[in-house]
Amino acid sequence: MIYGNIQVVAGNANPKLADAVCRDLGIPRTPAKVEKFPDGEIDVRVEDHVRGNDVFVVQSTCPPVNDNLIELLLLVDALRRASAGRITAVVPYFGYARKDRKDEGRVPISAKLVANLLVTAGVHRVVTIDLHAAQIQGFFDIPVDHLYSSQVISEHFKKLQIPDLMVVAPDVGSAKMARGYAKRLGGDLAIINKRRIKADQTEVTEIIGDVAGRNILLIDDMISTGGSITEAAKACRRAGAKDVYIAATHAVLCGQAREKLESCGAKEVVLTDTIPVDTVGVETLFHVLSVGPLLADAIDRVHHERSVSALFSRREEGMS
């Protein structure tokens, strides 16, 4: 079924990314008022007609997580009540993803709850990038297009033509992703074995693989507090690695993460703009790549009922 015109609406989470998507699509962003009442409640109003149209709401649930999540839900509700033909939530960074199972007693499955909230609000489809756990797609009873930033990040490192490259997974959980990057970039693979001391503190116990004399690419889906990936960078340097590059899709960067990245000895930190990144003071270290073209291509394919999975080969899909 082909709906009406494409429209892109955005909250306050990442309007620059929404504008980048619109530039690639060749359309203006549909204006929306997203403000707060004096008591902190969020007030939204979509300021253009959407009846019968194919509307995409671009909104990461990044910090401030709760504000951005509620903005997304209220925008969707407003669009549903305004008779939008189809509403797609484009959530480049899907928050509340860490709790994807009940791993101890008396805890929520937060990712499932957020999925339920989106569907109840009126979302017909979800587009997201590099979910923290791929099985979260199964929490939705609506279509989910899971995109990968691998092609964006890989193209950057291909251009650098780094010799003696070894891709290193900062923990066992990211080994599959790191293996995909190693295959694509023509490098070898190593894995960091770590022990978590506190919620924001880890200790590297061993490096599985010889990193001595190699240039290192540490890759992960997100950098939150920065503890794991910066400790991995330091461990590689102690083990005789040459230059260390760090790359991640989602720059959550909580607490002292920026300071940790600045002091870990990395030559370059490559991030994407699924979350806004403040590069003031770290312009020579941080390199931000845009996922705007990737999202625009996916939106165009969804609108015209063409394959989204065709964006990725089997090899790329295996990288997540």
C-alpha atoms as a PDB file:
ATOM      1  CA  MET A   1       0.000   0.000   0.000  1.00  0.00           C
ATOM      2  CA  ILE A   2       1.377   3.421  -0.964  1.00  0.00           C
ATOM      3  CA  TYR A   3       0.448   6.170   1.468  1.00  0.00           C
ATOM      4  CA  GLY A   4       0.409   9.922   0.861  1.00  0.00           C
ATOM      5  CA  ASN A   5       3.466  12.156   0.887  1.00  0.00           C
ATOM      6  CA  ILE A   6       6.519  11.508   3.058  1.00  0.00           C
ATOM      7  CA  GLN A   7       6.706  13.804   6.069  1.00  0.00           C
ATOM      8  CA  VAL A   8       9.458  13.925   8.687  1.00  0.00           C
ATOM      9  CA  VAL A   9       8.742  15.183  12.200  1.00  0.00           C
ATOM     10  CA  ALA A  10      11.279  15.500  15.010  1.00  0.00           C
ATOM     11  CA  GLY A  11      11.396  16.241  18.708  1.00  0.00           C
ATOM     12  CA  ASN A  12      14.256  17.852  20.594  1.00  0.00           C
ATOM     13  CA  ALA A  13      16.505  14.772  20.776  1.00  0.00           C
ATOM     14  CA  ASN A  14      18.403  15.285  17.514  1.00  0.00           C
ATOM     15  CA  PRO A  15      16.893  17.884  15.154  1.00  0.00           C
ATOM     16  CA  LYS A  16      20.165  18.189  13.202  1.00  0.00           C
ATOM     17  CA  LEU A  17      19.979  14.521  12.227  1.00  0.00           C
ATOM     18  CA  ALA A  18      16.332  14.964  11.195  1.00  0.00           C
ATOM     19  CA  ASP A  19      17.366  17.915   9.023  1.00  0.00           C
ATOM     20  CA  ALA A  20      20.129  15.815   7.451  1.00  0.00           C
ATOM     21  CA  VAL A  21      17.574  13.112   6.633  1.00  0.00           C
ATOM     22  CA  CYS A  22      15.275  15.702   5.064  1.00  0.00           C
ATOM     23  CA  ARG A  23      18.107  17.106   2.943  1.00  0.00           C
ATOM     24  CA  ASP A  24      18.793  13.667   1.505  1.00  0.00           C
ATOM     25  CA  LEU A  25      15.087  13.096   0.886  1.00  0.00           C
ATOM     26  CA  GLY A  26      14.731  16.537  -0.694  1.00  0.00           C
ATOM     27  CA  ILE A  27      11.829  17.589   1.556  1.00  0.00           C
ATOM     28  CA  PRO A  28      11.373  20.191   4.315  1.00  0.00           C
ATOM     29  CA  ARG A  29      10.977  19.025   7.902  1.00  0.00           C
ATOM     30  CA  THR A  30       7.375  19.220   9.061  1.00  0.00           C
ATOM     31  CA  PRO A  31       7.340  21.811  11.864  1.00  0.00           C
ATOM     32  CA  ALA A  32       6.353  20.697  15.337  1.00  0.00           C
ATOM     33  CA  LYS A  33       6.244  22.598  18.615  1.00  0.00           C
ATOM     34  CA  VAL A  34       7.810  20.601  21.423  1.00  0.00           C
ATOM     35  CA  GLU A  35       7.921  22.623  24.628  1.00  0.00           C
ATOM     36  CA  LYS A  36       7.356  22.274  28.365  1.00  0.00           C
ATOM     37  CA  PHE A  37       4.714  23.598  30.691  1.00  0.00           C
ATOM     38  CA  PRO A  38       6.049  25.407  33.792  1.00  0.00           C
ATOM     39  CA  ASP A  39       5.652  22.210  35.844  1.00  0.00           C
ATOM     40  CA  GLY A  40       7.845  20.216  33.445  1.00  0.00           C
ATOM     41  CA  GLU A  41       5.097  18.423  31.517  1.00  0.00           C
ATOM     42  CA  ILE A  42       5.811  18.183  27.789  1.00  0.00           C
ATOM     43  CA  ASP A  43       3.516  19.919  25.307  1.00  0.00           C
ATOM     44  CA  VAL A  44       3.607  19.066  21.583  1.00  0.00           C
ATOM     45  CA  ARG A  45       1.786  20.275  18.499  1.00  0.00           C
ATOM     46  CA  VAL A  46       2.395  19.208  14.884  1.00  0.00           C
ATOM     47  CA  GLU A  47       2.022  22.416  12.893  1.00  0.00           C
ATOM     48  CA  ASP A  48       1.094  21.055   9.469  1.00  0.00           C
ATOM     49  CA  HIS A  49      -1.543  18.762   8.002  1.00  0.00           C
ATOM     50  CA  VAL A  50      -0.638  15.042   8.039  1.00  0.00           C
ATOM     51  CA  ARG A  51      -3.940  13.386   7.094  1.00  0.00           C
ATOM     52  CA  GLY A  52      -3.312  10.249   5.049  1.00  0.00           C
ATOM     53  CA  ASN A  53       0.426  10.861   4.794  1.00  0.00           C
ATOM     54  CA  ASP A  54       3.397   8.597   5.524  1.00  0.00           C
ATOM     55  CA  VAL A  55       4.922  10.236   8.598  1.00  0.00           C
ATOM     56  CA  PHE A  56       8.349   9.406  10.053  1.00  0.00           C
ATOM     57  CA  VAL A  57       9.168  10.630  13.567  1.00  0.00           C
ATOM     58  CA  VAL A  58      12.947  10.944  13.999  1.00  0.00           C
ATOM     59  CA  GLN A  59      13.697  10.813  17.719  1.00  0.00           C
ATOM     60  CA  SER A  60      16.477   9.012  19.590  1.00  0.00           C
ATOM     61  CA  THR A  61      15.711   8.085  23.185  1.00  0.00           C
ATOM     62  CA  CYS A  62      19.083   9.394  24.340  1.00  0.00           C
ATOM     63  CA  PRO A  63      19.745  11.530  27.436  1.00  0.00           C
ATOM     64  CA  PRO A  64      17.593  13.076  28.770  1.00  0.00           C
ATOM     65  CA  VAL A  65      16.081   9.659  28.119  1.00  0.00           C
ATOM     66  CA  ASN A  66      12.694  10.083  29.781  1.00  0.00           C
ATOM     67  CA  ASP A  67      12.001  13.489  28.219  1.00  0.00           C
ATOM     68  CA  ASN A  68      12.907  12.228  24.747  1.00  0.00           C
ATOM     69  CA  LEU A  69      10.842   9.069  25.143  1.00  0.00           C
ATOM     70  CA  ILE A  70       7.763  11.017  26.247  1.00  0.00           C
ATOM     71  CA  GLU A  71       8.263  13.503  23.390  1.00  0.00           C
ATOM     72  CA  LEU A  72       8.273  10.573  20.963  1.00  0.00           C
ATOM     73  CA  LEU A  73       5.116   9.050  22.443  1.00  0.00           C
ATOM     74  CA  LEU A  74       3.241  12.368  22.462  1.00  0.00           C
ATOM     75  CA  LEU A  75       4.246  13.166  18.877  1.00  0.00           C
ATOM     76  CA  VAL A  76       3.007   9.752  17.770  1.00  0.00           C
ATOM     77  CA  ASP A  77      -0.261  10.234  19.632  1.00  0.00           C
ATOM     78  CA  ALA A  78      -0.721  13.664  18.053  1.00  0.00           C
ATOM     79  CA  LEU A  79      -0.119  12.240  14.581  1.00  0.00           C
ATOM     80  CA  ARG A  80      -2.525   9.344  15.152  1.00  0.00           C
ATOM     81  CA  ARG A  81      -5.246  11.734  16.288  1.00  0.00           C
ATOM     82  CA  ALA A  82      -4.527  13.909  13.246  1.00  0.00           C
ATOM     83  CA  SER A  83      -5.275  10.910  10.965  1.00  0.00           C
ATOM     84  CA  ALA A  84      -1.774  10.265   9.636  1.00  0.00           C
ATOM     85  CA  GLY A  85      -1.893   7.376   7.163  1.00  0.00           C
ATOM     86  CA  ARG A  86       1.071   5.532   8.665  1.00  0.00           C
ATOM     87  CA  ILE A  87       3.406   6.466  11.514  1.00  0.00           C
ATOM     88  CA  THR A  88       6.975   5.145  11.598  1.00  0.00           C
ATOM     89  CA  ALA A  89       9.129   5.761  14.666  1.00  0.00           C
ATOM     90  CA  VAL A  90      12.701   6.322  13.484  1.00  0.00           C
ATOM     91  CA  VAL A  91      14.674   5.724  16.688  1.00  0.00           C
ATOM     92  CA  PRO A  92      18.368   5.810  15.741  1.00  0.00           C
ATOM     93  CA  TYR A  93      19.356   5.098  19.357  1.00  0.00           C
ATOM     94  CA  PHE A  94      16.869   2.863  21.177  1.00  0.00           C
ATOM     95  CA  GLY A  95      17.204   3.522  24.917  1.00  0.00           C
ATOM     96  CA  TYR A  96      16.172   1.212  27.757  1.00  0.00           C
ATOM     97  CA  ALA A  97      17.715  -1.618  25.729  1.00  0.00           C
ATOM     98  CA  ARG A  98      20.029  -3.001  28.421  1.00  0.00           C
ATOM     99  CA  LYS A  99      17.157  -4.704  30.250  1.00  0.00           C
ATOM    100  CA  ASP A 100      16.113  -7.144  27.525  1.00  0.00           C
ATOM    101  CA  ARG A 101      15.497 -10.134  29.815  1.00  0.00           C
ATOM    102  CA  LYS A 102      14.749 -10.943  33.430  1.00  0.00           C
ATOM    103  CA  ASP A 103      18.192 -11.896  34.693  1.00  0.00           C
ATOM    104  CA  GLU A 104      17.322 -11.723  38.397  1.00  0.00           C
ATOM    105  CA  GLY A 105      14.239 -11.540  40.585  1.00  0.00           C
ATOM    106  CA  ARG A 106      11.897  -8.550  40.788  1.00  0.00           C
ATOM    107  CA  VAL A 107      13.276  -6.582  37.817  1.00  0.00           C
ATOM    108  CA  PRO A 108      11.458  -5.233  34.724  1.00  0.00           C
ATOM    109  CA  ILE A 109      12.086  -6.073  31.097  1.00  0.00           C
ATOM    110  CA  SER A 110      12.403  -2.410  30.197  1.00  0.00           C
ATOM    111  CA  ALA A 111      12.957  -2.880  26.452  1.00  0.00           C
ATOM    112  CA  LYS A 112       9.678  -4.810  26.158  1.00  0.00           C
ATOM    113  CA  LEU A 113       7.794  -2.116  28.079  1.00  0.00           C
ATOM    114  CA  VAL A 114       9.100   0.613  25.751  1.00  0.00           C
ATOM    115  CA  ALA A 115       8.116  -1.498  22.740  1.00  0.00           C
ATOM    116  CA  ASN A 116       4.601  -1.843  24.160  1.00  0.00           C
ATOM    117  CA  LEU A 117       4.383   1.911  24.783  1.00  0.00           C
ATOM    118  CA  LEU A 118       5.321   2.711  21.178  1.00  0.00           C
ATOM    119  CA  VAL A 119       2.764   0.304  19.737  1.00  0.00           C
ATOM    120  CA  THR A 120       0.036   1.515  22.112  1.00  0.00           C
ATOM    121  CA  ALA A 121       0.766   5.142  21.189  1.00  0.00           C
ATOM    122  CA  GLY A 122       0.072   4.316  17.541  1.00  0.00           C
ATOM    123  CA  VAL A 123       3.372   3.414  15.860  1.00  0.00           C
ATOM    124  CA  HIS A 124       2.920   1.196  12.800  1.00  0.00           C
ATOM    125  CA  ARG A 125       6.613   0.538  12.122  1.00  0.00           C
ATOM    126  CA  VAL A 126      10.023   1.089  13.757  1.00  0.00           C
ATOM    127  CA  VAL A 127      13.356   1.936  12.136  1.00  0.00           C
ATOM    128  CA  THR A 128      16.410   1.757  14.380  1.00  0.00           C
ATOM    129  CA  ILE A 129      20.192   1.379  14.205  1.00  0.00           C
ATOM    130  CA  ASP A 130      22.453  -1.099  16.013  1.00  0.00           C
ATOM    131  CA  LEU A 131      20.180  -2.309  18.801  1.00  0.00           C
ATOM    132  CA  HIS A 132      22.081  -3.170  21.974  1.00  0.00           C
ATOM    133  CA  ALA A 133      20.487  -6.623  21.710  1.00  0.00           C
ATOM    134  CA  ALA A 134      19.135  -7.766  18.344  1.00  0.00           C
ATOM    135  CA  GLN A 135      16.419  -9.885  19.966  1.00  0.00           C
ATOM    136  CA  ILE A 136      14.587  -6.684  20.958  1.00  0.00           C
ATOM    137  CA  GLN A 137      13.108  -6.776  17.450  1.00  0.00           C
ATOM    138  CA  GLY A 138      10.998  -9.681  18.689  1.00  0.00           C
ATOM    139  CA  PHE A 139       9.405  -7.521  21.382  1.00  0.00           C
ATOM    140  CA  PHE A 140       7.399  -5.716  18.693  1.00  0.00           C
ATOM    141  CA  ASP A 141       4.320  -7.106  16.950  1.00  0.00           C
ATOM    142  CA  ILE A 142       4.860  -4.574  14.165  1.00  0.00           C
ATOM    143  CA  PRO A 143       7.601  -4.474  11.488  1.00  0.00           C
ATOM    144  CA  VAL A 144      11.069  -3.431  12.696  1.00  0.00           C
ATOM    145  CA  ASP A 145      13.806  -2.400  10.277  1.00  0.00           C
ATOM    146  CA  HIS A 146      17.122  -2.920  12.060  1.00  0.00           C
ATOM    147  CA  LEU A 147      19.823  -0.934  10.276  1.00  0.00           C
ATOM    148  CA  TYR A 148      23.581  -1.209  10.769  1.00  0.00           C
ATOM    149  CA  SER A 149      26.099   1.609  10.930  1.00  0.00           C
ATOM    150  CA  SER A 150      28.829  -0.819   9.838  1.00  0.00           C
ATOM    151  CA  GLN A 151      28.914   0.418   6.258  1.00  0.00           C
ATOM    152  CA  VAL A 152      29.260   4.043   7.408  1.00  0.00           C
ATOM    153  CA  ILE A 153      32.052   3.316   9.889  1.00  0.00           C
ATOM    154  CA  SER A 154      33.841   0.807   7.640  1.00  0.00           C
ATOM    155  CA  GLU A 155      34.003   3.246   4.733  1.00  0.00           C
ATOM    156  CA  HIS A 156      35.788   5.738   6.984  1.00  0.00           C
ATOM    157  CA  PHE A 157      38.457   3.226   7.997  1.00  0.00           C
ATOM    158  CA  LYS A 158      38.862   1.918   4.456  1.00  0.00           C
ATOM    159  CA  LYS A 159      39.831   5.431   3.415  1.00  0.00           C
ATOM    160  CA  LEU A 160      42.472   5.579   6.166  1.00  0.00           C
ATOM    161  CA  GLN A 161      44.145   2.410   4.814  1.00  0.00           C
ATOM    162  CA  ILE A 162      45.605   1.478   8.195  1.00  0.00           C
ATOM    163  CA  PRO A 163      48.469  -1.040   7.862  1.00  0.00           C
ATOM    164  CA  ASP A 164      48.867  -4.066  10.165  1.00  0.00           C
ATOM    165  CA  LEU A 165      45.288  -3.676  11.335  1.00  0.00           C
ATOM    166  CA  MET A 166      43.836  -5.802  14.114  1.00  0.00           C
ATOM    167  CA  VAL A 167      40.195  -5.357  15.117  1.00  0.00           C
ATOM    168  CA  VAL A 168      39.707  -5.867  18.855  1.00  0.00           C
ATOM    169  CA  ALA A 169      36.413  -6.618  20.619  1.00  0.00           C
ATOM    170  CA  PRO A 170      36.431  -4.827  24.014  1.00  0.00           C
ATOM    171  CA  ASP A 171      34.409  -7.725  25.490  1.00  0.00           C
ATOM    172  CA  VAL A 172      33.119 -11.128  24.464  1.00  0.00           C
ATOM    173  CA  GLY A 173      29.659  -9.708  23.698  1.00  0.00           C
ATOM    174  CA  SER A 174      30.992  -7.562  20.845  1.00  0.00           C
ATOM    175  CA  ALA A 175      33.123 -10.333  19.299  1.00  0.00           C
ATOM    176  CA  LYS A 176      30.656 -11.073  16.486  1.00  0.00           C
ATOM    177  CA  MET A 177      30.547  -7.411  15.468  1.00  0.00           C
ATOM    178  CA  ALA A 178      34.342  -7.149  15.613  1.00  0.00           C
ATOM    179  CA  ARG A 179      34.731 -10.275  13.480  1.00  0.00           C
ATOM    180  CA  GLY A 180      32.559  -8.699  10.786  1.00  0.00           C
ATOM    181  CA  TYR A 181      34.658  -5.531  10.765  1.00  0.00           C
ATOM    182  CA  ALA A 182      37.866  -7.578  10.613  1.00  0.00           C
ATOM    183  CA  LYS A 183      36.582  -9.452   7.566  1.00  0.00           C
ATOM    184  CA  ARG A 184      35.477  -6.282   5.815  1.00  0.00           C
ATOM    185  CA  LEU A 185      38.645  -4.291   6.562  1.00  0.00           C
ATOM    186  CA  GLY A 186      41.052  -7.160   5.942  1.00  0.00           C
ATOM    187  CA  GLY A 187      42.386  -7.251   9.498  1.00  0.00           C
ATOM    188  CA  ASP A 188      42.824  -9.889  12.170  1.00  0.00           C
ATOM    189  CA  LEU A 189      40.698 -10.336  15.289  1.00  0.00           C
ATOM    190  CA  ALA A 190      41.463 -10.200  18.999  1.00  0.00           C
ATOM    191  CA  ILE A 191      39.144 -10.252  22.003  1.00  0.00           C
ATOM    192  CA  ILE A 192      39.451  -8.612  25.411  1.00  0.00           C
ATOM    193  CA  ASN A 193      38.483 -10.703  28.415  1.00  0.00           C
ATOM    194  CA  LYS A 194      37.370  -8.430  31.236  1.00  0.00           C
ATOM    195  CA  ARG A 195      35.997  -8.570  34.745  1.00  0.00           C
ATOM    196  CA  ARG A 196      33.411  -6.053  35.940  1.00  0.00           C
ATOM    197  CA  ILE A 197      34.324  -4.608  39.337  1.00  0.00           C
ATOM    198  CA  LYS A 198      31.516  -2.036  39.606  1.00  0.00           C
ATOM    199  CA  ALA A 199      28.731  -0.843  37.306  1.00  0.00           C
ATOM    200  CA  ASP A 200      31.096   1.741  35.801  1.00  0.00           C
ATOM    201  CA  GLN A 201      34.453   0.047  36.384  1.00  0.00           C
ATOM    202  CA  THR A 202      36.044  -2.929  34.637  1.00  0.00           C
ATOM    203  CA  GLU A 203      39.384  -4.715  34.725  1.00  0.00           C
ATOM    204  CA  VAL A 204      41.051  -6.348  31.716  1.00  0.00           C
ATOM    205  CA  THR A 205      42.185  -9.847  32.650  1.00  0.00           C
ATOM    206  CA  GLU A 206      43.676 -10.951  29.313  1.00  0.00           C
ATOM    207  CA  ILE A 207      43.865 -10.238  25.586  1.00  0.00           C
ATOM    208  CA  ILE A 208      43.046 -13.209  23.387  1.00  0.00           C
ATOM    209  CA  GLY A 209      45.323 -12.535  20.420  1.00  0.00           C
ATOM    210  CA  ASP A 210      48.735 -10.905  19.911  1.00  0.00           C
ATOM    211  CA  VAL A 211      48.365  -7.126  19.500  1.00  0.00           C
ATOM    212  CA  ALA A 212      52.073  -6.296  19.756  1.00  0.00           C
ATOM    213  CA  GLY A 213      53.243  -4.152  16.851  1.00  0.00           C
ATOM    214  CA  ARG A 214      49.727  -3.908  15.401  1.00  0.00           C
ATOM    215  CA  ASN A 215      47.443  -0.954  14.774  1.00  0.00           C
ATOM    216  CA  ILE A 216      44.249  -1.522  16.735  1.00  0.00           C
ATOM    217  CA  LEU A 217      40.600  -0.760  16.016  1.00  0.00           C
ATOM    218  CA  LEU A 218      38.397  -1.168  19.081  1.00  0.00           C
ATOM    219  CA  ILE A 219      34.750  -1.404  18.012  1.00  0.00           C
ATOM    220  CA  ASP A 220      31.517  -1.461  20.033  1.00  0.00           C
ATOM    221  CA  ASP A 221      27.855  -0.567  19.579  1.00  0.00           C
ATOM    222  CA  MET A 222      27.895   2.193  22.205  1.00  0.00           C
ATOM    223  CA  ILE A 223      30.130   4.084  24.590  1.00  0.00           C
ATOM    224  CA  SER A 224      28.297   4.890  27.815  1.00  0.00           C
ATOM    225  CA  THR A 225      30.623   5.579  30.746  1.00  0.00           C
ATOM    226  CA  GLY A 226      33.655   4.760  28.589  1.00  0.00           C
ATOM    227  CA  GLY A 227      35.194   2.461  31.177  1.00  0.00           C
ATOM    228  CA  SER A 228      35.313  -0.788  29.188  1.00  0.00           C
ATOM    229  CA  ILE A 229      36.615   0.564  25.906  1.00  0.00           C
ATOM    230  CA  THR A 230      39.207   2.919  27.408  1.00  0.00           C
ATOM    231  CA  GLU A 231      40.579   0.190  29.688  1.00  0.00           C
ATOM    232  CA  ALA A 232      40.795  -2.030  26.607  1.00  0.00           C
ATOM    233  CA  ALA A 233      42.714   0.709  24.765  1.00  0.00           C
ATOM    234  CA  LYS A 234      45.180   1.052  27.635  1.00  0.00           C
ATOM    235  CA  ALA A 235      45.621  -2.731  27.827  1.00  0.00           C
ATOM    236  CA  CYS A 236      46.412  -2.877  24.099  1.00  0.00           C
ATOM    237  CA  ARG A 237      48.998  -0.124  24.466  1.00  0.00           C
ATOM    238  CA  ARG A 238      50.604  -1.932  27.411  1.00  0.00           C
ATOM    239  CA  ALA A 239      50.724  -5.095  25.303  1.00  0.00           C
ATOM    240  CA  GLY A 240      52.780  -3.332  22.623  1.00  0.00           C
ATOM    241  CA  ALA A 241      50.134  -2.078  20.185  1.00  0.00           C
ATOM    242  CA  LYS A 242      50.985   0.912  18.003  1.00  0.00           C
ATOM    243  CA  ASP A 243      48.129   3.297  17.171  1.00  0.00           C
ATOM    244  CA  VAL A 244      44.744   2.637  18.766  1.00  0.00           C
ATOM    245  CA  TYR A 245      41.503   3.729  17.093  1.00  0.00           C
ATOM    246  CA  ILE A 246      38.128   3.588  18.837  1.00  0.00           C
ATOM    247  CA  ALA A 247      34.778   3.402  17.024  1.00  0.00           C
ATOM    248  CA  ALA A 248      31.198   3.116  18.235  1.00  0.00           C
ATOM    249  CA  THR A 249      27.748   3.809  16.846  1.00  0.00           C
ATOM    250  CA  HIS A 250      26.062   5.439  19.835  1.00  0.00           C
ATOM    251  CA  ALA A 251      27.897   8.173  21.762  1.00  0.00           C
ATOM    252  CA  VAL A 252      25.960   8.076  25.036  1.00  0.00           C
ATOM    253  CA  LEU A 253      29.027   9.483  26.868  1.00  0.00           C
ATOM    254  CA  CYS A 254      27.810   9.615  30.471  1.00  0.00           C
ATOM    255  CA  GLY A 255      29.728  11.091  33.372  1.00  0.00           C
ATOM    256  CA  GLN A 256      33.493  11.256  32.752  1.00  0.00           C
ATOM    257  CA  ALA A 257      33.388   9.360  29.452  1.00  0.00           C
ATOM    258  CA  ARG A 258      34.827  12.232  27.402  1.00  0.00           C
ATOM    259  CA  GLU A 259      37.734  12.669  29.816  1.00  0.00           C
ATOM    260  CA  LYS A 260      38.415   8.917  29.778  1.00  0.00           C
ATOM    261  CA  LEU A 261      38.503   8.895  25.980  1.00  0.00           C
ATOM    262  CA  GLU A 262      40.842  11.897  25.906  1.00  0.00           C
ATOM    263  CA  SER A 263      43.310  10.253  28.295  1.00  0.00           C
ATOM    264  CA  CYS A 264      43.277   6.641  27.045  1.00  0.00           C
ATOM    265  CA  GLY A 265      45.890   7.193  24.322  1.00  0.00           C
ATOM    266  CA  ALA A 266      43.617   6.657  21.319  1.00  0.00           C
ATOM    267  CA  LYS A 267      44.642   8.309  18.069  1.00  0.00           C
ATOM    268  CA  GLU A 268      41.032   8.814  16.908  1.00  0.00           C
ATOM    269  CA  VAL A 269      37.541   8.224  18.301  1.00  0.00           C
ATOM    270  CA  VAL A 270      34.963   7.654  15.542  1.00  0.00           C
ATOM    271  CA  LEU A 271      31.292   8.062  16.436  1.00  0.00           C
ATOM    272  CA  THR A 272      28.031   8.495  14.536  1.00  0.00           C
ATOM    273  CA  ASP A 273      25.358  11.138  15.024  1.00  0.00           C
ATOM    274  CA  THR A 274      22.576   8.794  16.205  1.00  0.00           C
ATOM    275  CA  ILE A 275      23.060  10.873  19.367  1.00  0.00           C
ATOM    276  CA  PRO A 276      24.243  14.516  19.210  1.00  0.00           C
ATOM    277  CA  VAL A 277      27.977  14.680  19.943  1.00  0.00           C
ATOM    278  CA  ASP A 278      29.617  17.767  21.433  1.00  0.00           C
ATOM    279  CA  THR A 279      33.089  17.934  19.866  1.00  0.00           C
ATOM    280  CA  VAL A 280      34.099  21.295  21.351  1.00  0.00           C
ATOM    281  CA  GLY A 281      37.610  20.913  22.728  1.00  0.00           C
ATOM    282  CA  VAL A 282      38.123  17.457  21.198  1.00  0.00           C
ATOM    283  CA  GLU A 283      37.938  18.327  17.505  1.00  0.00           C
ATOM    284  CA  THR A 284      41.264  16.621  16.756  1.00  0.00           C
ATOM    285  CA  LEU A 285      40.266  13.417  18.575  1.00  0.00           C
ATOM    286  CA  PHE A 286      36.542  12.921  17.874  1.00  0.00           C
ATOM    287  CA  HIS A 287      35.372  12.263  14.314  1.00  0.00           C
ATOM    288  CA  VAL A 288      31.580  12.188  13.847  1.00  0.00           C
ATOM    289  CA  LEU A 289      30.030  10.374  10.873  1.00  0.00           C
ATOM    290  CA  SER A 290      26.442  11.019   9.803  1.00  0.00           C
ATOM    291  CA  VAL A 291      23.855   8.256   9.491  1.00  0.00           C
ATOM    292  CA  GLY A 292      21.486  10.722   7.800  1.00  0.00           C
ATOM    293  CA  PRO A 293      21.954   9.256   4.294  1.00  0.00           C
ATOM    294  CA  LEU A 294      21.452   5.715   5.637  1.00  0.00           C
ATOM    295  CA  LEU A 295      18.190   6.680   7.361  1.00  0.00           C
ATOM    296  CA  ALA A 296      16.982   8.656   4.348  1.00  0.00           C
ATOM    297  CA  ASP A 297      17.564   5.662   2.085  1.00  0.00           C
ATOM    298  CA  ALA A 298      15.684   3.379   4.485  1.00  0.00           C
ATOM    299  CA  ILE A 299      12.779   5.848   4.762  1.00  0.00           C
ATOM    300  CA  ASP A 300      12.546   6.134   0.987  1.00  0.00           C
ATOM    301  CA  ARG A 301      12.500   2.339   0.669  1.00  0.00           C
ATOM    302  CA  VAL A 302       9.828   1.955   3.357  1.00  0.00           C
ATOM    303  CA  HIS A 303       7.654   4.603   1.703  1.00  0.00           C
ATOM    304  CA  HIS A 304       7.897   3.042  -1.749  1.00  0.00           C
ATOM    305  CA  GLU A 305       7.492  -0.515  -0.408  1.00  0.00           C
ATOM    306  CA  ARG A 306      10.969  -1.583  -1.525  1.00  0.00           C
ATOM    307  CA  SER A 307      13.341  -3.900   0.310  1.00  0.00           C
ATOM    308  CA  VAL A 308      15.188  -2.373   3.259  1.00  0.00           C
ATOM    309  CA  SER A 309      17.301  -5.489   3.807  1.00  0.00           C
ATOM    310  CA  ALA A 310      18.721  -4.966   0.320  1.00  0.00           C
ATOM    311  CA  LEU A 311      20.747  -2.126   1.881  1.00  0.00           C
ATOM    312  CA  PHE A 312      22.926  -4.797   3.480  1.00  0.00           C
ATOM    313  CA  SER A 313      24.606  -7.893   2.159  1.00  0.00           C
ATOM    314  CA  ARG A 314      24.649 -11.087   4.213  1.00  0.00           C
ATOM    315  CA  ARG A 315      28.152 -10.261   5.338  1.00  0.00           C
ATOM    316  CA  GLU A 316      27.048  -6.849   6.664  1.00  0.00           C
ATOM    317  CA  GLU A 317      24.079  -8.339   8.487  1.00  0.00           C
ATOM    318  CA  GLY A 318      26.433 -10.705  10.271  1.00  0.00           C
ATOM    319  CA  MET A 319      28.304  -7.771  11.733  1.00  0.00           C
ATOM    320  CA  SER A 320      25.698  -6.908  14.313  1.00  0.00           C
END
